[in-house]
Amino acid sequence: MESVMVTKVEKDEITGQSTTGHEWDGIKELNTPLPKWWVYTFYACIAFAILWFVLYPAWPGVDGYTKGILGYSQREAVMERVAEGHAAQAEYRTGIAAADLAEIRADPALLNFALAGGVAAFGDNCATCHGGGGAGNVGYPTLADDSWLWGGALEDIHATINYGIRSGHDEERYSEMPRFGADELLEPAQIDDVAEYVLSLTGQETDKAAAERGQEVFMDNCAACHGESGGGDRTQGAPALNDQIWLYGGDKETVTDVIRNARRGVMPAWEGRLSPETVKMLTIYVHALGGGE
């Protein structure tokens, strides 16, 4: 025997509105129409959408998209605005292109423009690694202090930005720290002693006996690059080890691991990626962060 659902439409006694015939626990559903203003708005939105599809680019296709009657292109509009911006900046960009870095620093108008452009270029290209304002991150040097791997003069910074570090560029900055543990150049005990000595250079509490042993190993294997006092060597990109500034961390475990396995970070060469004027503006900005020389 089949069950049959009967829908009974009737008038609601209180509102006089027809019901849908649905009832739950004695509660009947009214068949209330939508407000006319809502219906008209809905139809107007549909008409607007159709008109938009006709006038503007809208539907994607296999080889492109519908262009619309107006032929509007947001990309072209943006490019026009960029071109207008470049035209307005032409005088300053021409001045920066023609001047050397010292001349830009000495010219207040060019300096202000270079700093403003450098902030923008740094945020777009450099802040991901070096942090906002050049604050640095683990493995990425701070640019707002006076500790430099390759030098903090204008020319030094310009060369580093242009050619990068271990970037593959013909004029790249290149240095290579040996992997004293991974390549079995030193025994584990020697590596531990050297780590104690390196930590002692910064005034930290260390095992004095181990540090004394590590000093001899340091002189034989590390001083050629980092200097006998651990002051570093900018011509080789060897960091100073006698300050409290650490690229990867200054705890015993990290220092030991760096000696054992080395670190060989890479910075891209920006020559060819950025215009020469933008590289100059970046140089001026980084130099002005607080650690320029």
C-alpha atoms as a PDB file:
ATOM      1  CA  MET A   1       0.000   0.000   0.000  1.00  0.00           C
ATOM      2  CA  GLU A   2       1.503   3.341  -1.052  1.00  0.00           C
ATOM      3  CA  SER A   3       1.453   6.350   1.248  1.00  0.00           C
ATOM      4  CA  VAL A   4       0.267   9.600  -0.344  1.00  0.00           C
ATOM      5  CA  MET A   5       1.202  13.099   0.919  1.00  0.00           C
ATOM      6  CA  VAL A   6      -1.691  15.498   0.568  1.00  0.00           C
ATOM      7  CA  THR A   7      -0.920  19.217   0.310  1.00  0.00           C
ATOM      8  CA  LYS A   8      -3.814  21.414   1.367  1.00  0.00           C
ATOM      9  CA  VAL A   9      -3.627  25.093   0.494  1.00  0.00           C
ATOM     10  CA  GLU A  10      -5.868  27.356   2.577  1.00  0.00           C
ATOM     11  CA  LYS A  11      -6.150  30.882   3.894  1.00  0.00           C
ATOM     12  CA  ASP A  12      -4.610  31.869   7.190  1.00  0.00           C
ATOM     13  CA  GLU A  13      -7.336  33.157   9.474  1.00  0.00           C
ATOM     14  CA  ILE A  14      -5.236  35.892  11.063  1.00  0.00           C
ATOM     15  CA  THR A  15      -3.327  37.352   8.088  1.00  0.00           C
ATOM     16  CA  GLY A  16      -5.632  36.318   5.279  1.00  0.00           C
ATOM     17  CA  GLN A  17      -2.526  35.080   3.434  1.00  0.00           C
ATOM     18  CA  SER A  18      -2.563  31.828   1.532  1.00  0.00           C
ATOM     19  CA  THR A  19      -0.503  28.984   2.963  1.00  0.00           C
ATOM     20  CA  THR A  20       1.881  26.751   1.076  1.00  0.00           C
ATOM     21  CA  GLY A  21       0.143  23.686   2.407  1.00  0.00           C
ATOM     22  CA  HIS A  22       3.172  22.731   4.526  1.00  0.00           C
ATOM     23  CA  GLU A  23       2.534  22.188   8.196  1.00  0.00           C
ATOM     24  CA  TRP A  24       4.852  21.198  11.040  1.00  0.00           C
ATOM     25  CA  ASP A  25       3.519  20.471  14.493  1.00  0.00           C
ATOM     26  CA  GLY A  26       0.491  22.602  13.806  1.00  0.00           C
ATOM     27  CA  ILE A  27       2.516  25.502  12.416  1.00  0.00           C
ATOM     28  CA  LYS A  28       1.481  26.398   8.882  1.00  0.00           C
ATOM     29  CA  GLU A  29       3.843  28.067   6.395  1.00  0.00           C
ATOM     30  CA  LEU A  30       2.544  31.253   4.775  1.00  0.00           C
ATOM     31  CA  ASN A  31       3.089  31.778   1.070  1.00  0.00           C
ATOM     32  CA  THR A  32       4.298  35.360   1.505  1.00  0.00           C
ATOM     33  CA  PRO A  33       5.524  37.016  -1.703  1.00  0.00           C
ATOM     34  CA  LEU A  34       8.820  38.916  -1.792  1.00  0.00           C
ATOM     35  CA  PRO A  35       8.606  42.701  -1.374  1.00  0.00           C
ATOM     36  CA  LYS A  36       8.267  44.450  -4.710  1.00  0.00           C
ATOM     37  CA  TRP A  37      11.319  46.646  -4.060  1.00  0.00           C
ATOM     38  CA  TRP A  38      13.409  43.501  -3.546  1.00  0.00           C
ATOM     39  CA  VAL A  39      12.101  41.907  -6.759  1.00  0.00           C
ATOM     40  CA  TYR A  40      12.752  45.068  -8.776  1.00  0.00           C
ATOM     41  CA  THR A  41      16.260  45.350  -7.311  1.00  0.00           C
ATOM     42  CA  PHE A  42      16.964  41.725  -8.206  1.00  0.00           C
ATOM     43  CA  TYR A  43      15.849  42.266 -11.805  1.00  0.00           C
ATOM     44  CA  ALA A  44      17.899  45.490 -11.992  1.00  0.00           C
ATOM     45  CA  CYS A  45      21.005  43.583 -10.847  1.00  0.00           C
ATOM     46  CA  ILE A  46      20.464  40.980 -13.558  1.00  0.00           C
ATOM     47  CA  ALA A  47      20.084  43.708 -16.172  1.00  0.00           C
ATOM     48  CA  PHE A  48      23.195  45.470 -14.884  1.00  0.00           C
ATOM     49  CA  ALA A  49      25.199  42.224 -15.025  1.00  0.00           C
ATOM     50  CA  ILE A  50      24.156  41.581 -18.617  1.00  0.00           C
ATOM     51  CA  LEU A  51      25.019  45.159 -19.577  1.00  0.00           C
ATOM     52  CA  TRP A  52      28.415  44.808 -17.857  1.00  0.00           C
ATOM     53  CA  PHE A  53      29.172  41.598 -19.756  1.00  0.00           C
ATOM     54  CA  VAL A  54      28.401  43.385 -23.015  1.00  0.00           C
ATOM     55  CA  LEU A  55      30.411  46.548 -22.286  1.00  0.00           C
ATOM     56  CA  TYR A  56      33.481  45.202 -20.472  1.00  0.00           C
ATOM     57  CA  PRO A  57      35.823  42.187 -20.666  1.00  0.00           C
ATOM     58  CA  ALA A  58      34.055  39.345 -18.939  1.00  0.00           C
ATOM     59  CA  TRP A  59      34.002  35.779 -20.253  1.00  0.00           C
ATOM     60  CA  PRO A  60      37.237  33.760 -20.476  1.00  0.00           C
ATOM     61  CA  GLY A  61      37.864  31.564 -23.465  1.00  0.00           C
ATOM     62  CA  VAL A  62      40.436  29.094 -24.714  1.00  0.00           C
ATOM     63  CA  ASP A  63      42.554  31.707 -26.504  1.00  0.00           C
ATOM     64  CA  GLY A  64      41.545  34.841 -24.646  1.00  0.00           C
ATOM     65  CA  TYR A  65      38.426  36.528 -23.356  1.00  0.00           C
ATOM     66  CA  THR A  66      35.555  38.688 -24.556  1.00  0.00           C
ATOM     67  CA  LYS A  67      36.800  42.257 -24.994  1.00  0.00           C
ATOM     68  CA  GLY A  68      33.521  44.100 -24.512  1.00  0.00           C
ATOM     69  CA  ILE A  69      32.097  46.892 -26.650  1.00  0.00           C
ATOM     70  CA  LEU A  70      34.110  49.581 -24.808  1.00  0.00           C
ATOM     71  CA  GLY A  71      37.391  47.696 -25.252  1.00  0.00           C
ATOM     72  CA  TYR A  72      38.475  48.639 -21.735  1.00  0.00           C
ATOM     73  CA  SER A  73      41.673  47.029 -20.386  1.00  0.00           C
ATOM     74  CA  GLN A  74      42.673  47.462 -16.748  1.00  0.00           C
ATOM     75  CA  ARG A  75      46.215  46.393 -17.640  1.00  0.00           C
ATOM     76  CA  GLU A  76      46.465  49.186 -20.187  1.00  0.00           C
ATOM     77  CA  ALA A  77      45.009  51.644 -17.705  1.00  0.00           C
ATOM     78  CA  VAL A  78      47.640  50.677 -15.123  1.00  0.00           C
ATOM     79  CA  MET A  79      50.434  50.884 -17.697  1.00  0.00           C
ATOM     80  CA  GLU A  80      49.241  54.365 -18.682  1.00  0.00           C
ATOM     81  CA  ARG A  81      49.360  55.474 -15.055  1.00  0.00           C
ATOM     82  CA  VAL A  82      52.830  53.952 -14.633  1.00  0.00           C
ATOM     83  CA  ALA A  83      53.986  55.770 -17.770  1.00  0.00           C
ATOM     84  CA  GLU A  84      52.572  59.021 -16.389  1.00  0.00           C
ATOM     85  CA  GLY A  85      54.438  58.414 -13.129  1.00  0.00           C
ATOM     86  CA  HIS A  86      57.699  57.754 -14.965  1.00  0.00           C
ATOM     87  CA  ALA A  87      57.205  60.883 -17.032  1.00  0.00           C
ATOM     88  CA  ALA A  88      56.728  62.918 -13.858  1.00  0.00           C
ATOM     89  CA  GLN A  89      59.884  61.360 -12.403  1.00  0.00           C
ATOM     90  CA  ALA A  90      61.937  61.650 -15.574  1.00  0.00           C
ATOM     91  CA  GLU A  91      63.935  64.648 -14.390  1.00  0.00           C
ATOM     92  CA  TYR A  92      65.023  62.908 -11.192  1.00  0.00           C
ATOM     93  CA  ARG A  93      65.662  59.538 -12.835  1.00  0.00           C
ATOM     94  CA  THR A  94      67.782  61.208 -15.488  1.00  0.00           C
ATOM     95  CA  GLY A  95      69.730  62.999 -12.767  1.00  0.00           C
ATOM     96  CA  ILE A  96      70.301  59.747 -10.855  1.00  0.00           C
ATOM     97  CA  ALA A  97      71.380  57.943 -14.021  1.00  0.00           C
ATOM     98  CA  ALA A  98      73.929  60.649 -14.801  1.00  0.00           C
ATOM     99  CA  ALA A  99      75.292  61.137 -11.273  1.00  0.00           C
ATOM    100  CA  ASP A 100      77.558  58.874  -9.295  1.00  0.00           C
ATOM    101  CA  LEU A 101      76.578  57.712  -5.823  1.00  0.00           C
ATOM    102  CA  ALA A 102      78.506  60.410  -3.973  1.00  0.00           C
ATOM    103  CA  GLU A 103      76.923  63.138  -6.129  1.00  0.00           C
ATOM    104  CA  ILE A 104      73.452  61.767  -5.392  1.00  0.00           C
ATOM    105  CA  ARG A 105      74.196  61.851  -1.672  1.00  0.00           C
ATOM    106  CA  ALA A 106      75.353  65.481  -1.964  1.00  0.00           C
ATOM    107  CA  ASP A 107      72.285  66.685  -3.908  1.00  0.00           C
ATOM    108  CA  PRO A 108      69.280  67.162  -1.545  1.00  0.00           C
ATOM    109  CA  ALA A 109      66.669  66.798  -4.293  1.00  0.00           C
ATOM    110  CA  LEU A 110      68.211  63.659  -5.775  1.00  0.00           C
ATOM    111  CA  LEU A 111      68.876  62.252  -2.302  1.00  0.00           C
ATOM    112  CA  ASN A 112      65.239  62.638  -1.221  1.00  0.00           C
ATOM    113  CA  PHE A 113      64.009  61.066  -4.446  1.00  0.00           C
ATOM    114  CA  ALA A 114      66.512  58.202  -4.156  1.00  0.00           C
ATOM    115  CA  LEU A 115      65.518  57.499  -0.546  1.00  0.00           C
ATOM    116  CA  ALA A 116      61.827  57.432  -1.450  1.00  0.00           C
ATOM    117  CA  GLY A 117      62.457  55.184  -4.436  1.00  0.00           C
ATOM    118  CA  GLY A 118      64.788  52.996  -2.400  1.00  0.00           C
ATOM    119  CA  VAL A 119      62.154  52.426   0.287  1.00  0.00           C
ATOM    120  CA  ALA A 120      59.673  51.236  -2.332  1.00  0.00           C
ATOM    121  CA  ALA A 121      62.191  49.041  -4.163  1.00  0.00           C
ATOM    122  CA  PHE A 122      63.429  47.551  -0.894  1.00  0.00           C
ATOM    123  CA  GLY A 123      59.904  46.667   0.190  1.00  0.00           C
ATOM    124  CA  ASP A 124      59.190  45.000  -3.157  1.00  0.00           C
ATOM    125  CA  ASN A 125      62.447  43.083  -3.557  1.00  0.00           C
ATOM    126  CA  CYS A 126      64.505  42.871  -0.368  1.00  0.00           C
ATOM    127  CA  ALA A 127      62.311  43.021   2.747  1.00  0.00           C
ATOM    128  CA  THR A 128      61.183  39.394   2.399  1.00  0.00           C
ATOM    129  CA  CYS A 129      64.693  38.268   3.352  1.00  0.00           C
ATOM    130  CA  HIS A 130      66.258  41.249   5.116  1.00  0.00           C
ATOM    131  CA  GLY A 131      63.131  42.317   7.003  1.00  0.00           C
ATOM    132  CA  GLY A 132      61.351  45.642   7.110  1.00  0.00           C
ATOM    133  CA  GLY A 133      63.818  48.488   7.553  1.00  0.00           C
ATOM    134  CA  GLY A 134      66.706  46.058   7.058  1.00  0.00           C
ATOM    135  CA  ALA A 135      66.192  44.458  10.484  1.00  0.00           C
ATOM    136  CA  GLY A 136      67.455  41.115   9.183  1.00  0.00           C
ATOM    137  CA  ASN A 137      66.396  37.524   9.785  1.00  0.00           C
ATOM    138  CA  VAL A 138      68.191  34.316  10.698  1.00  0.00           C
ATOM    139  CA  GLY A 139      70.561  33.676   7.797  1.00  0.00           C
ATOM    140  CA  TYR A 140      69.931  37.128   6.287  1.00  0.00           C
ATOM    141  CA  PRO A 141      72.177  39.979   7.479  1.00  0.00           C
ATOM    142  CA  THR A 142      70.893  43.019   9.279  1.00  0.00           C
ATOM    143  CA  LEU A 143      71.415  46.089   7.110  1.00  0.00           C
ATOM    144  CA  ALA A 144      70.713  48.664   9.808  1.00  0.00           C
ATOM    145  CA  ASP A 145      73.889  48.209  11.831  1.00  0.00           C
ATOM    146  CA  ASP A 146      77.596  48.801  11.183  1.00  0.00           C
ATOM    147  CA  SER A 147      78.624  45.165  10.698  1.00  0.00           C
ATOM    148  CA  TRP A 148      79.224  44.381   7.027  1.00  0.00           C
ATOM    149  CA  LEU A 149      80.321  41.182   5.346  1.00  0.00           C
ATOM    150  CA  TRP A 150      81.521  42.857   2.158  1.00  0.00           C
ATOM    151  CA  GLY A 151      81.840  46.501   3.191  1.00  0.00           C
ATOM    152  CA  GLY A 152      79.426  49.325   3.958  1.00  0.00           C
ATOM    153  CA  ALA A 153      80.717  52.083   1.661  1.00  0.00           C
ATOM    154  CA  LEU A 154      78.434  53.209  -1.156  1.00  0.00           C
ATOM    155  CA  GLU A 155      80.500  51.426  -3.802  1.00  0.00           C
ATOM    156  CA  ASP A 156      80.629  48.226  -1.742  1.00  0.00           C
ATOM    157  CA  ILE A 157      76.859  48.133  -1.242  1.00  0.00           C
ATOM    158  CA  HIS A 158      76.263  48.932  -4.902  1.00  0.00           C
ATOM    159  CA  ALA A 159      78.473  46.034  -6.008  1.00  0.00           C
ATOM    160  CA  THR A 160      76.774  43.610  -3.618  1.00  0.00           C
ATOM    161  CA  ILE A 161      73.292  44.555  -4.815  1.00  0.00           C
ATOM    162  CA  ASN A 162      74.309  44.511  -8.458  1.00  0.00           C
ATOM    163  CA  TYR A 163      76.183  41.220  -8.548  1.00  0.00           C
ATOM    164  CA  GLY A 164      74.833  39.267  -5.593  1.00  0.00           C
ATOM    165  CA  ILE A 165      76.518  36.672  -3.428  1.00  0.00           C
ATOM    166  CA  ARG A 166      77.159  33.198  -4.848  1.00  0.00           C
ATOM    167  CA  SER A 167      74.569  34.183  -7.442  1.00  0.00           C
ATOM    168  CA  GLY A 168      76.225  32.795 -10.563  1.00  0.00           C
ATOM    169  CA  HIS A 169      76.958  36.273 -11.921  1.00  0.00           C
ATOM    170  CA  ASP A 170      80.417  36.713 -13.467  1.00  0.00           C
ATOM    171  CA  GLU A 171      81.243  39.401 -10.873  1.00  0.00           C
ATOM    172  CA  GLU A 172      79.454  37.835  -7.912  1.00  0.00           C
ATOM    173  CA  ARG A 173      80.672  38.139  -4.352  1.00  0.00           C
ATOM    174  CA  TYR A 174      81.989  34.691  -3.545  1.00  0.00           C
ATOM    175  CA  SER A 175      83.325  33.033  -0.433  1.00  0.00           C
ATOM    176  CA  GLU A 176      83.226  29.435   0.694  1.00  0.00           C
ATOM    177  CA  MET A 177      83.678  28.230   4.244  1.00  0.00           C
ATOM    178  CA  PRO A 178      85.034  24.680   4.505  1.00  0.00           C
ATOM    179  CA  ARG A 179      82.822  22.015   6.027  1.00  0.00           C
ATOM    180  CA  PHE A 180      85.274  21.075   8.764  1.00  0.00           C
ATOM    181  CA  GLY A 181      83.153  18.236  10.082  1.00  0.00           C
ATOM    182  CA  ALA A 182      81.292  16.939   7.058  1.00  0.00           C
ATOM    183  CA  ASP A 183      84.535  16.747   5.062  1.00  0.00           C
ATOM    184  CA  GLU A 184      86.461  15.370   8.041  1.00  0.00           C
ATOM    185  CA  LEU A 185      88.945  18.225   8.101  1.00  0.00           C
ATOM    186  CA  LEU A 186      88.758  18.386  11.899  1.00  0.00           C
ATOM    187  CA  GLU A 187      87.914  15.854  14.562  1.00  0.00           C
ATOM    188  CA  PRO A 188      84.641  16.312  16.497  1.00  0.00           C
ATOM    189  CA  ALA A 189      86.612  17.185  19.634  1.00  0.00           C
ATOM    190  CA  GLN A 190      88.531  19.866  17.738  1.00  0.00           C
ATOM    191  CA  ILE A 191      85.291  21.341  16.391  1.00  0.00           C
ATOM    192  CA  ASP A 192      83.887  21.482  19.912  1.00  0.00           C
ATOM    193  CA  ASP A 193      87.034  23.244  21.145  1.00  0.00           C
ATOM    194  CA  VAL A 194      86.918  25.781  18.304  1.00  0.00           C
ATOM    195  CA  ALA A 195      83.263  26.524  19.101  1.00  0.00           C
ATOM    196  CA  GLU A 196      84.245  27.211  22.721  1.00  0.00           C
ATOM    197  CA  TYR A 197      87.001  29.556  21.553  1.00  0.00           C
ATOM    198  CA  VAL A 198      84.704  31.423  19.135  1.00  0.00           C
ATOM    199  CA  LEU A 199      82.168  31.926  21.910  1.00  0.00           C
ATOM    200  CA  SER A 200      84.920  33.196  24.196  1.00  0.00           C
ATOM    201  CA  LEU A 201      85.718  35.931  21.662  1.00  0.00           C
ATOM    202  CA  THR A 202      82.374  37.562  22.468  1.00  0.00           C
ATOM    203  CA  GLY A 203      82.882  37.446  26.212  1.00  0.00           C
ATOM    204  CA  GLN A 204      80.559  34.516  26.844  1.00  0.00           C
ATOM    205  CA  GLU A 205      81.171  32.019  29.627  1.00  0.00           C
ATOM    206  CA  THR A 206      82.965  29.026  28.137  1.00  0.00           C
ATOM    207  CA  ASP A 207      85.057  26.028  29.050  1.00  0.00           C
ATOM    208  CA  LYS A 208      88.423  27.794  29.402  1.00  0.00           C
ATOM    209  CA  ALA A 209      90.505  24.694  28.851  1.00  0.00           C
ATOM    210  CA  ALA A 210      88.557  23.819  25.701  1.00  0.00           C
ATOM    211  CA  ALA A 211      88.785  27.421  24.492  1.00  0.00           C
ATOM    212  CA  GLU A 212      92.562  27.392  24.916  1.00  0.00           C
ATOM    213  CA  ARG A 213      92.813  24.212  22.865  1.00  0.00           C
ATOM    214  CA  GLY A 214      90.402  25.683  20.320  1.00  0.00           C
ATOM    215  CA  GLN A 215      92.518  28.809  19.904  1.00  0.00           C
ATOM    216  CA  GLU A 216      95.368  26.790  18.430  1.00  0.00           C
ATOM    217  CA  VAL A 217      93.001  24.999  16.039  1.00  0.00           C
ATOM    218  CA  PHE A 218      91.436  28.338  15.136  1.00  0.00           C
ATOM    219  CA  MET A 219      94.789  29.878  14.264  1.00  0.00           C
ATOM    220  CA  ASP A 220      95.669  26.926  12.048  1.00  0.00           C
ATOM    221  CA  ASN A 221      92.342  26.667  10.219  1.00  0.00           C
ATOM    222  CA  CYS A 222      90.193  29.773  10.626  1.00  0.00           C
ATOM    223  CA  ALA A 223      92.372  32.841  11.184  1.00  0.00           C
ATOM    224  CA  ALA A 224      93.335  33.118   7.505  1.00  0.00           C
ATOM    225  CA  CYS A 225      89.796  34.264   6.763  1.00  0.00           C
ATOM    226  CA  HIS A 226      88.346  35.481  10.066  1.00  0.00           C
ATOM    227  CA  GLY A 227      91.538  37.134  11.337  1.00  0.00           C
ATOM    228  CA  GLU A 228      93.674  36.196  14.307  1.00  0.00           C
ATOM    229  CA  SER A 229      91.427  38.185  16.640  1.00  0.00           C
ATOM    230  CA  GLY A 230      88.232  37.070  14.894  1.00  0.00           C
ATOM    231  CA  GLY A 231      87.644  40.514  13.396  1.00  0.00           C
ATOM    232  CA  GLY A 232      86.660  39.135   9.991  1.00  0.00           C
ATOM    233  CA  ASP A 233      87.814  40.042   6.498  1.00  0.00           C
ATOM    234  CA  ARG A 234      85.525  41.983   4.174  1.00  0.00           C
ATOM    235  CA  THR A 235      87.614  41.191   1.116  1.00  0.00           C
ATOM    236  CA  GLN A 236      86.563  37.560   1.565  1.00  0.00           C
ATOM    237  CA  GLY A 237      83.117  38.112   3.047  1.00  0.00           C
ATOM    238  CA  ALA A 238      84.288  36.464   6.280  1.00  0.00           C
ATOM    239  CA  PRO A 239      82.202  37.730   9.210  1.00  0.00           C
ATOM    240  CA  ALA A 240      83.616  39.104  12.431  1.00  0.00           C
ATOM    241  CA  LEU A 241      83.394  36.584  15.257  1.00  0.00           C
ATOM    242  CA  ASN A 242      84.369  38.890  18.121  1.00  0.00           C
ATOM    243  CA  ASP A 243      81.126  40.847  18.386  1.00  0.00           C
ATOM    244  CA  GLN A 244      77.579  39.999  19.444  1.00  0.00           C
ATOM    245  CA  ILE A 245      76.197  40.025  15.901  1.00  0.00           C
ATOM    246  CA  TRP A 246      75.370  36.555  14.625  1.00  0.00           C
ATOM    247  CA  LEU A 247      74.058  35.626  11.203  1.00  0.00           C
ATOM    248  CA  TYR A 248      72.764  32.171  12.130  1.00  0.00           C
ATOM    249  CA  GLY A 249      72.801  32.279  15.929  1.00  0.00           C
ATOM    250  CA  GLY A 250      75.304  32.592  18.755  1.00  0.00           C
ATOM    251  CA  ASP A 251      74.487  29.559  20.880  1.00  0.00           C
ATOM    252  CA  LYS A 252      76.936  26.654  21.228  1.00  0.00           C
ATOM    253  CA  GLU A 253      74.831  24.224  19.186  1.00  0.00           C
ATOM    254  CA  THR A 254      74.510  26.598  16.218  1.00  0.00           C
ATOM    255  CA  VAL A 255      78.157  27.648  16.221  1.00  0.00           C
ATOM    256  CA  THR A 256      79.244  24.012  16.331  1.00  0.00           C
ATOM    257  CA  ASP A 257      76.944  23.106  13.458  1.00  0.00           C
ATOM    258  CA  VAL A 258      78.208  26.020  11.341  1.00  0.00           C
ATOM    259  CA  ILE A 259      81.804  24.883  11.862  1.00  0.00           C
ATOM    260  CA  ARG A 260      80.851  21.299  11.090  1.00  0.00           C
ATOM    261  CA  ASN A 261      78.673  21.873   7.998  1.00  0.00           C
ATOM    262  CA  ALA A 262      79.327  25.502   6.971  1.00  0.00           C
ATOM    263  CA  ARG A 263      76.733  27.888   5.564  1.00  0.00           C
ATOM    264  CA  ARG A 264      76.659  29.098   1.976  1.00  0.00           C
ATOM    265  CA  GLY A 265      73.788  31.529   1.589  1.00  0.00           C
ATOM    266  CA  VAL A 266      72.845  33.030  -1.753  1.00  0.00           C
ATOM    267  CA  MET A 267      71.762  36.551  -2.670  1.00  0.00           C
ATOM    268  CA  PRO A 268      70.499  37.140  -6.228  1.00  0.00           C
ATOM    269  CA  ALA A 269      72.217  39.543  -8.583  1.00  0.00           C
ATOM    270  CA  TRP A 270      69.865  42.442  -9.253  1.00  0.00           C
ATOM    271  CA  GLU A 271      71.700  43.696 -12.323  1.00  0.00           C
ATOM    272  CA  GLY A 272      69.348  43.090 -15.230  1.00  0.00           C
ATOM    273  CA  ARG A 273      66.367  42.541 -12.920  1.00  0.00           C
ATOM    274  CA  LEU A 274      66.211  46.134 -11.757  1.00  0.00           C
ATOM    275  CA  SER A 275      67.108  49.248 -13.683  1.00  0.00           C
ATOM    276  CA  PRO A 276      70.493  50.861 -12.949  1.00  0.00           C
ATOM    277  CA  GLU A 277      68.663  53.847 -11.430  1.00  0.00           C
ATOM    278  CA  THR A 278      66.707  51.575  -9.076  1.00  0.00           C
ATOM    279  CA  VAL A 279      69.902  49.807  -7.981  1.00  0.00           C
ATOM    280  CA  LYS A 280      71.429  53.205  -7.198  1.00  0.00           C
ATOM    281  CA  MET A 281      68.356  54.203  -5.189  1.00  0.00           C
ATOM    282  CA  LEU A 282      68.515  50.919  -3.264  1.00  0.00           C
ATOM    283  CA  THR A 283      72.184  51.559  -2.568  1.00  0.00           C
ATOM    284  CA  ILE A 284      71.466  55.042  -1.207  1.00  0.00           C
ATOM    285  CA  TYR A 285      68.607  53.730   0.938  1.00  0.00           C
ATOM    286  CA  VAL A 286      70.545  50.790   2.419  1.00  0.00           C
ATOM    287  CA  HIS A 287      73.524  53.076   3.075  1.00  0.00           C
ATOM    288  CA  ALA A 288      71.222  55.446   4.959  1.00  0.00           C
ATOM    289  CA  LEU A 289      69.620  52.768   7.158  1.00  0.00           C
ATOM    290  CA  GLY A 290      72.157  53.477   9.874  1.00  0.00           C
ATOM    291  CA  GLY A 291      75.118  51.308   9.060  1.00  0.00           C
ATOM    292  CA  GLY A 292      76.553  52.962   5.972  1.00  0.00           C
ATOM    293  CA  GLU A 293      80.176  54.076   5.975  1.00  0.00           C
END
